[in-house]
C-alpha cells in the first residue's frame, strides 16, 4: 500500500509528522502522541475528485506534503486535498491546541497527485517551493517570490523527484532532486541526481 507518513519535522522536543488527513505531534523523548491536527477532505472535494476518475479510498484523501515552522512559530502545511491542493497556517494556542489562522490554494506548493513529492523552504521571509502544477502533474516547477521555471521545459526540469530544499543563509536557495537527464536522450532514460541553485534576489 501507499506510505502515509512522508514528512518528519523536528520542533524543539517534538516531531511533526505529515500523514494522511492529519498532522501528528509526537514527543521526541518517548514517541508518545501529544496531539493531532485533523485535516480530512470535504465531501465536495472528495466528490469532485472521484468524479474525475480518481480512487475515493486512496487518491481522494489529503496527504500532507509540506510542513514548515514559520518565524512566528506558526505551522505552515499543504496537502493534496483530493487532487485540489490546499495550504493552511496553524498557530499553537496557550492551551496547546492548533488553531487555523488562514487558508489558501496550494497548487504552487503541493502536488495534486499523492505519489509526487514536493519541498518548500523559507528564505528571508519568502517561501520557495519545488513541486508540480496541473492535475496530471505535468508541470514541474520551482517557484518563489517573482521566480518560476519555464512551463513544460525539459531543460529546466524533466520529470523531477524532489527530495529536499535548503538555503545557504545568503542569496542561494538549493533544491535537491532526481530527474531524467536530457543530455542522455540518445542513450535511453538515465536518472541522475541534481542540485539546483536559485538566486533569491534574481528578477
C-alpha atoms as a PDB file:
ATOM      1  CA  UNK A   1       0.000   0.000   0.000  1.00  0.00           C
ATOM      2  CA  UNK A   2       0.909   3.662  -0.233  1.00  0.00           C
ATOM      3  CA  UNK A   3       3.012   5.008   2.666  1.00  0.00           C
ATOM      4  CA  UNK A   4       1.030   7.600   4.610  1.00  0.00           C
ATOM      5  CA  UNK A   5       3.953   9.084   6.552  1.00  0.00           C
ATOM      6  CA  UNK A   6       6.269  11.116   4.337  1.00  0.00           C
ATOM      7  CA  UNK A   7       7.375  14.109   6.426  1.00  0.00           C
ATOM      8  CA  UNK A   8       9.195  14.376   9.731  1.00  0.00           C
ATOM      9  CA  UNK A   9       9.916  17.880  11.056  1.00  0.00           C
ATOM     10  CA  UNK A  10      11.635  18.263  14.455  1.00  0.00           C
ATOM     11  CA  UNK A  11      10.370  21.179  16.558  1.00  0.00           C
ATOM     12  CA  UNK A  12      12.100  21.568  19.933  1.00  0.00           C
ATOM     13  CA  UNK A  13      11.169  18.446  21.910  1.00  0.00           C
ATOM     14  CA  UNK A  14       8.548  17.181  19.464  1.00  0.00           C
ATOM     15  CA  UNK A  15       8.370  15.847  15.919  1.00  0.00           C
ATOM     16  CA  UNK A  16       5.648  16.880  13.473  1.00  0.00           C
ATOM     17  CA  UNK A  17       4.633  14.049  11.165  1.00  0.00           C
ATOM     18  CA  UNK A  18       2.752  14.648   7.918  1.00  0.00           C
ATOM     19  CA  UNK A  19       0.247  11.827   7.493  1.00  0.00           C
ATOM     20  CA  UNK A  20      -2.971  11.146   5.598  1.00  0.00           C
ATOM     21  CA  UNK A  21      -5.731  13.549   6.664  1.00  0.00           C
ATOM     22  CA  UNK A  22      -3.750  14.622   9.736  1.00  0.00           C
ATOM     23  CA  UNK A  23      -0.598  16.139  11.185  1.00  0.00           C
ATOM     24  CA  UNK A  24       0.722  14.266  14.213  1.00  0.00           C
ATOM     25  CA  UNK A  25       2.644  15.906  17.051  1.00  0.00           C
ATOM     26  CA  UNK A  26       4.855  13.245  18.668  1.00  0.00           C
ATOM     27  CA  UNK A  27       7.162  13.536  21.663  1.00  0.00           C
ATOM     28  CA  UNK A  28      10.802  13.189  20.643  1.00  0.00           C
ATOM     29  CA  UNK A  29      11.605  11.751  24.080  1.00  0.00           C
ATOM     30  CA  UNK A  30       9.223   8.805  24.403  1.00  0.00           C
ATOM     31  CA  UNK A  31       7.427   8.851  20.988  1.00  0.00           C
ATOM     32  CA  UNK A  32       4.053   9.369  22.662  1.00  0.00           C
ATOM     33  CA  UNK A  33       1.337  11.121  20.676  1.00  0.00           C
ATOM     34  CA  UNK A  34       0.846  14.617  22.105  1.00  0.00           C
ATOM     35  CA  UNK A  35      -1.777  15.966  19.725  1.00  0.00           C
ATOM     36  CA  UNK A  36      -3.318  15.541  16.286  1.00  0.00           C
ATOM     37  CA  UNK A  37      -4.333  18.214  13.780  1.00  0.00           C
ATOM     38  CA  UNK A  38      -7.174  16.556  11.887  1.00  0.00           C
ATOM     39  CA  UNK A  39      -7.381  17.647   8.252  1.00  0.00           C
ATOM     40  CA  UNK A  40      -9.754  15.484   6.215  1.00  0.00           C
ATOM     41  CA  UNK A  41     -11.124  16.480   2.819  1.00  0.00           C
ATOM     42  CA  UNK A  42     -14.570  17.983   2.473  1.00  0.00           C
ATOM     43  CA  UNK A  43     -17.392  15.954   0.935  1.00  0.00           C
ATOM     44  CA  UNK A  44     -17.456  18.329  -2.042  1.00  0.00           C
ATOM     45  CA  UNK A  45     -13.711  17.938  -2.747  1.00  0.00           C
ATOM     46  CA  UNK A  46     -13.941  14.153  -2.376  1.00  0.00           C
ATOM     47  CA  UNK A  47     -16.916  14.068  -4.763  1.00  0.00           C
ATOM     48  CA  UNK A  48     -15.123  16.198  -7.382  1.00  0.00           C
ATOM     49  CA  UNK A  49     -12.021  14.025  -7.094  1.00  0.00           C
ATOM     50  CA  UNK A  50     -14.000  10.835  -7.600  1.00  0.00           C
ATOM     51  CA  UNK A  51     -15.945  12.391 -10.474  1.00  0.00           C
ATOM     52  CA  UNK A  52     -12.619  12.965 -12.240  1.00  0.00           C
ATOM     53  CA  UNK A  53     -11.916   9.234 -12.137  1.00  0.00           C
ATOM     54  CA  UNK A  54      -9.753   9.007  -9.019  1.00  0.00           C
ATOM     55  CA  UNK A  55      -9.975   6.403  -6.284  1.00  0.00           C
ATOM     56  CA  UNK A  56     -12.055   7.564  -3.316  1.00  0.00           C
ATOM     57  CA  UNK A  57     -10.240   5.227  -0.929  1.00  0.00           C
ATOM     58  CA  UNK A  58      -6.697   6.302  -1.867  1.00  0.00           C
ATOM     59  CA  UNK A  59      -6.334   9.311  -4.182  1.00  0.00           C
ATOM     60  CA  UNK A  60      -9.220  11.386  -2.830  1.00  0.00           C
ATOM     61  CA  UNK A  61      -7.666  11.891   0.602  1.00  0.00           C
ATOM     62  CA  UNK A  62      -5.460  14.659   1.977  1.00  0.00           C
ATOM     63  CA  UNK A  63      -1.789  13.637   2.014  1.00  0.00           C
ATOM     64  CA  UNK A  64       0.330  16.241   3.807  1.00  0.00           C
ATOM     65  CA  UNK A  65       3.228  17.164   1.503  1.00  0.00           C
ATOM     66  CA  UNK A  66       4.563  20.372   3.090  1.00  0.00           C
ATOM     67  CA  UNK A  67       5.334  21.094   6.731  1.00  0.00           C
ATOM     68  CA  UNK A  68       7.181  24.225   7.753  1.00  0.00           C
ATOM     69  CA  UNK A  69       7.615  26.102  11.026  1.00  0.00           C
ATOM     70  CA  UNK A  70       7.443  29.835  10.300  1.00  0.00           C
ATOM     71  CA  UNK A  71       9.472  32.529  12.064  1.00  0.00           C
ATOM     72  CA  UNK A  72       6.322  33.368  14.032  1.00  0.00           C
ATOM     73  CA  UNK A  73       6.216  29.819  15.396  1.00  0.00           C
ATOM     74  CA  UNK A  74       3.100  29.041  13.374  1.00  0.00           C
ATOM     75  CA  UNK A  75       2.926  25.844  11.346  1.00  0.00           C
ATOM     76  CA  UNK A  76       2.541  26.099   7.563  1.00  0.00           C
ATOM     77  CA  UNK A  77       1.227  22.936   5.922  1.00  0.00           C
ATOM     78  CA  UNK A  78      -0.022  21.919   2.491  1.00  0.00           C
ATOM     79  CA  UNK A  79      -1.819  18.771   1.386  1.00  0.00           C
ATOM     80  CA  UNK A  80      -3.035  17.149  -1.808  1.00  0.00           C
ATOM     81  CA  UNK A  81      -6.644  17.599  -0.594  1.00  0.00           C
ATOM     82  CA  UNK A  82      -8.308  15.146  -3.002  1.00  0.00           C
ATOM     83  CA  UNK A  83      -6.442  16.433  -6.082  1.00  0.00           C
ATOM     84  CA  UNK A  84      -7.189  20.052  -5.113  1.00  0.00           C
ATOM     85  CA  UNK A  85      -4.053  21.193  -3.179  1.00  0.00           C
ATOM     86  CA  UNK A  86      -4.646  23.371  -0.156  1.00  0.00           C
ATOM     87  CA  UNK A  87      -2.379  25.165   2.326  1.00  0.00           C
ATOM     88  CA  UNK A  88      -3.168  26.171   5.882  1.00  0.00           C
ATOM     89  CA  UNK A  89      -1.377  28.051   8.608  1.00  0.00           C
ATOM     90  CA  UNK A  90      -1.930  26.980  12.210  1.00  0.00           C
ATOM     91  CA  UNK A  91      -0.944  28.694  15.433  1.00  0.00           C
ATOM     92  CA  UNK A  92      -0.441  26.957  18.745  1.00  0.00           C
ATOM     93  CA  UNK A  93      -2.740  28.371  21.424  1.00  0.00           C
ATOM     94  CA  UNK A  94      -1.591  28.824  25.056  1.00  0.00           C
ATOM     95  CA  UNK A  95      -3.618  25.682  25.844  1.00  0.00           C
ATOM     96  CA  UNK A  96      -1.515  23.738  23.350  1.00  0.00           C
ATOM     97  CA  UNK A  97      -4.206  23.400  20.688  1.00  0.00           C
ATOM     98  CA  UNK A  98      -3.737  24.178  16.995  1.00  0.00           C
ATOM     99  CA  UNK A  99      -5.930  26.943  15.656  1.00  0.00           C
ATOM    100  CA  UNK A 100      -6.293  27.613  11.925  1.00  0.00           C
ATOM    101  CA  UNK A 101      -5.130  31.132  11.042  1.00  0.00           C
ATOM    102  CA  UNK A 102      -5.563  31.215   7.268  1.00  0.00           C
ATOM    103  CA  UNK A 103      -6.049  29.016   4.225  1.00  0.00           C
ATOM    104  CA  UNK A 104      -5.240  29.403   0.531  1.00  0.00           C
ATOM    105  CA  UNK A 105      -4.859  27.308  -2.649  1.00  0.00           C
ATOM    106  CA  UNK A 106      -1.732  25.166  -2.582  1.00  0.00           C
ATOM    107  CA  UNK A 107      -1.149  24.342  -6.241  1.00  0.00           C
ATOM    108  CA  UNK A 108       2.293  26.031  -6.250  1.00  0.00           C
ATOM    109  CA  UNK A 109       3.431  24.223  -3.105  1.00  0.00           C
ATOM    110  CA  UNK A 110       1.868  20.761  -3.054  1.00  0.00           C
ATOM    111  CA  UNK A 111       1.220  18.383  -5.970  1.00  0.00           C
ATOM    112  CA  UNK A 112      -2.255  17.231  -6.936  1.00  0.00           C
ATOM    113  CA  UNK A 113      -1.123  13.603  -7.078  1.00  0.00           C
ATOM    114  CA  UNK A 114      -0.159  11.993  -3.737  1.00  0.00           C
ATOM    115  CA  UNK A 115       2.501   9.900  -5.496  1.00  0.00           C
ATOM    116  CA  UNK A 116       4.525  13.045  -6.340  1.00  0.00           C
ATOM    117  CA  UNK A 117       6.867  14.799  -3.921  1.00  0.00           C
ATOM    118  CA  UNK A 118       7.331  18.479  -3.157  1.00  0.00           C
ATOM    119  CA  UNK A 119       9.611  20.559  -0.963  1.00  0.00           C
ATOM    120  CA  UNK A 120       9.360  24.072   0.497  1.00  0.00           C
ATOM    121  CA  UNK A 121      11.988  26.212   2.216  1.00  0.00           C
ATOM    122  CA  UNK A 122      11.710  29.588   3.938  1.00  0.00           C
ATOM    123  CA  UNK A 123      14.306  32.178   2.921  1.00  0.00           C
ATOM    124  CA  UNK A 124      14.294  35.675   4.451  1.00  0.00           C
ATOM    125  CA  UNK A 125      10.529  35.622   4.849  1.00  0.00           C
ATOM    126  CA  UNK A 126       9.785  34.250   1.372  1.00  0.00           C
ATOM    127  CA  UNK A 127       8.796  30.694   0.508  1.00  0.00           C
ATOM    128  CA  UNK A 128      10.465  28.798  -2.303  1.00  0.00           C
ATOM    129  CA  UNK A 129       8.960  25.540  -3.498  1.00  0.00           C
ATOM    130  CA  UNK A 130       9.761  22.640  -5.752  1.00  0.00           C
ATOM    131  CA  UNK A 131       6.521  20.953  -6.777  1.00  0.00           C
ATOM    132  CA  UNK A 132       4.160  20.068  -9.623  1.00  0.00           C
ATOM    133  CA  UNK A 133       1.383  22.112 -11.140  1.00  0.00           C
ATOM    134  CA  UNK A 134      -1.558  20.693 -13.033  1.00  0.00           C
ATOM    135  CA  UNK A 135      -3.981  17.888 -12.284  1.00  0.00           C
ATOM    136  CA  UNK A 136      -1.793  15.308 -14.013  1.00  0.00           C
ATOM    137  CA  UNK A 137       1.487  16.590 -12.533  1.00  0.00           C
ATOM    138  CA  UNK A 138       2.743  17.540 -15.979  1.00  0.00           C
ATOM    139  CA  UNK A 139       4.088  20.943 -14.919  1.00  0.00           C
ATOM    140  CA  UNK A 140       7.095  20.527 -12.601  1.00  0.00           C
ATOM    141  CA  UNK A 141       8.166  23.849 -11.148  1.00  0.00           C
ATOM    142  CA  UNK A 142      10.492  25.702  -8.866  1.00  0.00           C
ATOM    143  CA  UNK A 143       8.708  28.786  -7.589  1.00  0.00           C
ATOM    144  CA  UNK A 144       9.456  31.649  -5.244  1.00  0.00           C
ATOM    145  CA  UNK A 145       8.849  35.374  -4.946  1.00  0.00           C
ATOM    146  CA  UNK A 146       8.979  36.536  -8.607  1.00  0.00           C
ATOM    147  CA  UNK A 147      10.718  33.410  -9.880  1.00  0.00           C
ATOM    148  CA  UNK A 148       9.326  30.429 -11.744  1.00  0.00           C
ATOM    149  CA  UNK A 149      10.880  27.836 -14.007  1.00  0.00           C
ATOM    150  CA  UNK A 150       9.522  27.801 -17.548  1.00  0.00           C
ATOM    151  CA  UNK A 151       6.450  25.654 -18.078  1.00  0.00           C
ATOM    152  CA  UNK A 152       6.887  22.330 -19.888  1.00  0.00           C
ATOM    153  CA  UNK A 153      10.595  22.963 -20.496  1.00  0.00           C
ATOM    154  CA  UNK A 154      12.602  19.750 -20.047  1.00  0.00           C
ATOM    155  CA  UNK A 155      15.827  21.779 -19.965  1.00  0.00           C
ATOM    156  CA  UNK A 156      14.635  23.328 -16.704  1.00  0.00           C
ATOM    157  CA  UNK A 157      13.008  20.267 -15.087  1.00  0.00           C
ATOM    158  CA  UNK A 158      12.437  16.848 -16.658  1.00  0.00           C
ATOM    159  CA  UNK A 159      10.197  14.576 -14.554  1.00  0.00           C
ATOM    160  CA  UNK A 160      11.912  15.527 -11.275  1.00  0.00           C
ATOM    161  CA  UNK A 161      11.521  13.739  -7.971  1.00  0.00           C
ATOM    162  CA  UNK A 162      12.084  16.419  -5.326  1.00  0.00           C
ATOM    163  CA  UNK A 163      13.946  15.298  -2.220  1.00  0.00           C
ATOM    164  CA  UNK A 164      14.875  18.366  -0.164  1.00  0.00           C
ATOM    165  CA  UNK A 165      15.495  22.120  -0.224  1.00  0.00           C
ATOM    166  CA  UNK A 166      17.651  24.440   1.867  1.00  0.00           C
ATOM    167  CA  UNK A 167      19.135  27.922   1.972  1.00  0.00           C
ATOM    168  CA  UNK A 168      22.739  29.000   2.481  1.00  0.00           C
ATOM    169  CA  UNK A 169      21.670  31.957   4.619  1.00  0.00           C
ATOM    170  CA  UNK A 170      22.726  34.459   1.957  1.00  0.00           C
ATOM    171  CA  UNK A 171      21.138  34.604  -1.504  1.00  0.00           C
ATOM    172  CA  UNK A 172      21.192  30.959  -2.516  1.00  0.00           C
ATOM    173  CA  UNK A 173      18.263  28.552  -2.322  1.00  0.00           C
ATOM    174  CA  UNK A 174      19.088  24.940  -3.199  1.00  0.00           C
ATOM    175  CA  UNK A 175      16.817  22.162  -4.458  1.00  0.00           C
ATOM    176  CA  UNK A 176      17.860  18.507  -4.402  1.00  0.00           C
ATOM    177  CA  UNK A 177      16.088  16.141  -6.785  1.00  0.00           C
ATOM    178  CA  UNK A 178      16.417  13.279  -9.233  1.00  0.00           C
ATOM    179  CA  UNK A 179      15.329  13.589 -12.849  1.00  0.00           C
ATOM    180  CA  UNK A 180      15.640  12.034 -16.286  1.00  0.00           C
ATOM    181  CA  UNK A 181      18.766  13.538 -17.846  1.00  0.00           C
ATOM    182  CA  UNK A 182      18.013  15.406 -21.060  1.00  0.00           C
ATOM    183  CA  UNK A 183      21.695  15.216 -22.033  1.00  0.00           C
ATOM    184  CA  UNK A 184      21.403  11.435 -22.400  1.00  0.00           C
ATOM    185  CA  UNK A 185      18.281  11.248 -24.588  1.00  0.00           C
ATOM    186  CA  UNK A 186      20.048   9.142 -27.226  1.00  0.00           C
ATOM    187  CA  UNK A 187      21.118   6.573 -24.610  1.00  0.00           C
ATOM    188  CA  UNK A 188      17.699   5.835 -23.131  1.00  0.00           C
ATOM    189  CA  UNK A 189      16.274   7.172 -19.898  1.00  0.00           C
ATOM    190  CA  UNK A 190      19.026   7.793 -17.377  1.00  0.00           C
ATOM    191  CA  UNK A 191      18.040   9.107 -13.958  1.00  0.00           C
ATOM    192  CA  UNK A 192      20.576  11.445 -12.364  1.00  0.00           C
ATOM    193  CA  UNK A 193      20.772  13.369  -9.094  1.00  0.00           C
ATOM    194  CA  UNK A 194      20.769  17.153  -9.320  1.00  0.00           C
ATOM    195  CA  UNK A 195      21.288  20.189  -7.140  1.00  0.00           C
ATOM    196  CA  UNK A 196      19.693  23.359  -8.496  1.00  0.00           C
ATOM    197  CA  UNK A 197      20.663  26.754  -7.094  1.00  0.00           C
ATOM    198  CA  UNK A 198      18.218  29.629  -7.264  1.00  0.00           C
ATOM    199  CA  UNK A 199      19.356  33.198  -6.559  1.00  0.00           C
ATOM    200  CA  UNK A 200      16.596  34.551  -4.327  1.00  0.00           C
ATOM    201  CA  UNK A 201      17.123  38.166  -5.419  1.00  0.00           C
ATOM    202  CA  UNK A 202      17.080  37.324  -9.140  1.00  0.00           C
ATOM    203  CA  UNK A 203      14.236  39.012 -11.005  1.00  0.00           C
END
